[in-house]
Amino acid sequence: MISRYVPTLISGLVLVAASLMAGPALAETKAQKAFLERVKSVSTIDDAKLSDDALVIWPSPDVQTGLDYDAMGQQLCQEYKVYGYLVIWFMDSSKYRREKEMAMLQSYVCLEDV
């Protein structure tokens, strides 16, 4: 009689395990979204997104030539382990707005020296 319920029990356990594994992933996505919103709220930044192992930043076009990218990179890299990026790419917002072409202004590597 118990053998009749084994497939149902196994299916239920698989569903529970899948939902437990999906929970942290959803929370992480919410945390990443909150982080990106904080980054975008800085007046010198137009947009930001996480892409694979990179944090991609589009500075405001009117200030992008005068920004201290090293200082910004150091500041943003303080949380790289939490949000899963290894490098920051600062993109040329002016060029993208004019020509719809992606061009990098500077990159900053967040990995610590070993």
Protein backbone atom coordinates (compact mmCIF):
# COMPACT_ATOMS: atom_id res chain seq x y z
CA MET A 1 0.00 0.00 0.00
CA ILE A 2 2.82 2.45 0.81
CA SER A 3 4.50 1.68 -2.52
CA ARG A 4 1.43 3.18 -4.20
CA TYR A 5 2.21 6.62 -2.64
CA VAL A 6 5.98 6.61 -3.24
CA PRO A 7 5.81 8.37 -6.65
CA THR A 8 3.56 11.08 -5.18
CA LEU A 9 5.83 11.48 -2.17
CA ILE A 10 8.94 11.75 -4.37
CA SER A 11 7.24 14.33 -6.62
CA GLY A 12 6.27 16.36 -3.56
CA LEU A 13 9.81 16.28 -2.18
CA VAL A 14 11.21 17.39 -5.54
CA LEU A 15 8.79 20.34 -5.62
CA VAL A 16 9.68 21.36 -2.06
CA ALA A 17 13.41 21.16 -2.81
CA ALA A 18 12.98 23.23 -5.98
CA SER A 19 11.03 25.92 -4.14
CA LEU A 20 13.68 26.07 -1.39
CA MET A 21 16.42 26.52 -3.97
CA ALA A 22 14.45 29.19 -5.89
CA GLY A 23 13.79 31.26 -2.74
CA PRO A 24 17.37 32.57 -2.30
CA ALA A 25 17.63 33.25 -6.04
CA LEU A 26 14.53 35.44 -5.92
CA ALA A 27 15.80 37.26 -2.84
CA GLU A 28 19.14 37.80 -4.54
CA THR A 29 17.41 39.31 -7.55
CA LYS A 30 15.51 41.71 -5.30
CA ALA A 31 18.75 42.67 -3.55
CA GLN A 32 20.47 43.25 -6.88
CA LYS A 33 17.56 45.42 -8.08
CA ALA A 34 17.72 47.47 -4.88
CA PHE A 35 21.48 47.87 -5.31
CA LEU A 36 21.07 49.05 -8.91
CA GLU A 37 18.41 51.54 -7.86
CA ARG A 38 20.81 52.95 -5.26
CA VAL A 39 23.54 53.26 -7.90
CA LYS A 40 21.17 54.95 -10.37
CA SER A 41 20.09 57.45 -7.73
CA VAL A 42 23.57 59.03 -7.76
CA SER A 43 23.36 62.28 -9.73
CA THR A 44 26.40 61.50 -11.90
CA ILE A 45 24.99 58.15 -13.09
CA ASP A 46 22.30 57.85 -15.76
CA ASP A 47 21.89 54.08 -15.78
CA ALA A 48 23.38 50.87 -14.41
CA LYS A 49 22.85 47.16 -14.87
CA LEU A 50 24.42 43.85 -13.94
CA SER A 51 25.54 41.79 -16.91
CA ASP A 52 27.19 38.42 -16.30
CA ASP A 53 30.19 39.26 -14.10
CA ALA A 54 30.16 43.01 -14.82
CA LEU A 55 28.50 46.05 -13.36
CA VAL A 56 27.82 48.32 -16.35
CA ILE A 57 27.56 52.04 -15.58
CA TRP A 58 26.45 54.84 -17.92
CA PRO A 59 27.55 58.15 -16.38
CA SER A 60 25.57 61.31 -17.10
CA PRO A 61 26.83 62.68 -20.44
CA ASP A 62 27.39 66.20 -19.13
CA VAL A 63 29.80 65.05 -16.39
CA GLN A 64 31.33 61.86 -17.76
CA THR A 65 34.54 63.51 -18.98
CA GLY A 66 35.36 64.94 -15.56
CA LEU A 67 34.60 61.94 -13.36
CA ASP A 68 37.21 60.21 -11.22
CA TYR A 69 36.60 56.65 -12.43
CA ASP A 70 39.21 55.17 -10.11
CA ALA A 71 37.48 56.64 -7.05
CA MET A 72 34.06 55.52 -8.32
CA GLY A 73 35.44 52.06 -9.05
CA GLN A 74 36.93 51.75 -5.57
CA GLN A 75 33.64 52.80 -4.01
CA LEU A 76 31.51 50.47 -6.12
CA CYS A 77 33.88 47.53 -5.70
CA GLN A 78 33.24 47.48 -1.96
CA GLU A 79 30.15 45.39 -2.68
CA TYR A 80 31.29 43.29 -5.63
CA LYS A 81 31.23 40.02 -3.68
CA VAL A 82 27.69 40.64 -2.45
CA TYR A 83 26.20 41.34 -5.90
CA GLY A 84 28.38 39.06 -8.00
CA TYR A 85 30.30 41.35 -10.35
CA LEU A 86 34.05 41.23 -10.88
CA VAL A 87 34.56 44.29 -13.05
CA ILE A 88 32.92 47.67 -13.59
CA TRP A 89 32.53 48.97 -17.12
CA PHE A 90 31.98 52.71 -17.47
CA MET A 91 30.28 53.29 -20.81
CA ASP A 92 30.17 56.41 -22.99
CA SER A 93 26.63 57.75 -22.57
CA SER A 94 27.14 60.60 -25.05
CA LYS A 95 28.20 58.29 -27.85
CA TYR A 96 25.35 55.92 -27.14
CA ARG A 97 22.81 58.76 -27.21
CA ARG A 98 24.23 60.19 -30.46
CA GLU A 99 25.08 57.06 -32.42
CA LYS A 100 23.44 54.18 -30.52
CA GLU A 101 26.91 52.67 -30.31
CA MET A 102 28.41 51.09 -27.20
CA ALA A 103 31.88 52.36 -26.27
CA MET A 104 33.73 51.88 -23.01
CA LEU A 105 35.29 54.87 -21.29
CA GLN A 106 37.13 52.87 -18.65
CA SER A 107 36.98 49.62 -16.75
CA TYR A 108 37.80 48.88 -13.14
CA VAL A 109 38.67 45.38 -11.88
CA CYS A 110 37.31 44.56 -8.44
CA LEU A 111 39.25 41.40 -7.66
CA GLU A 112 41.55 41.74 -4.71
CA ASP A 113 45.24 40.97 -5.05
CA VAL A 114 45.94 37.45 -3.89
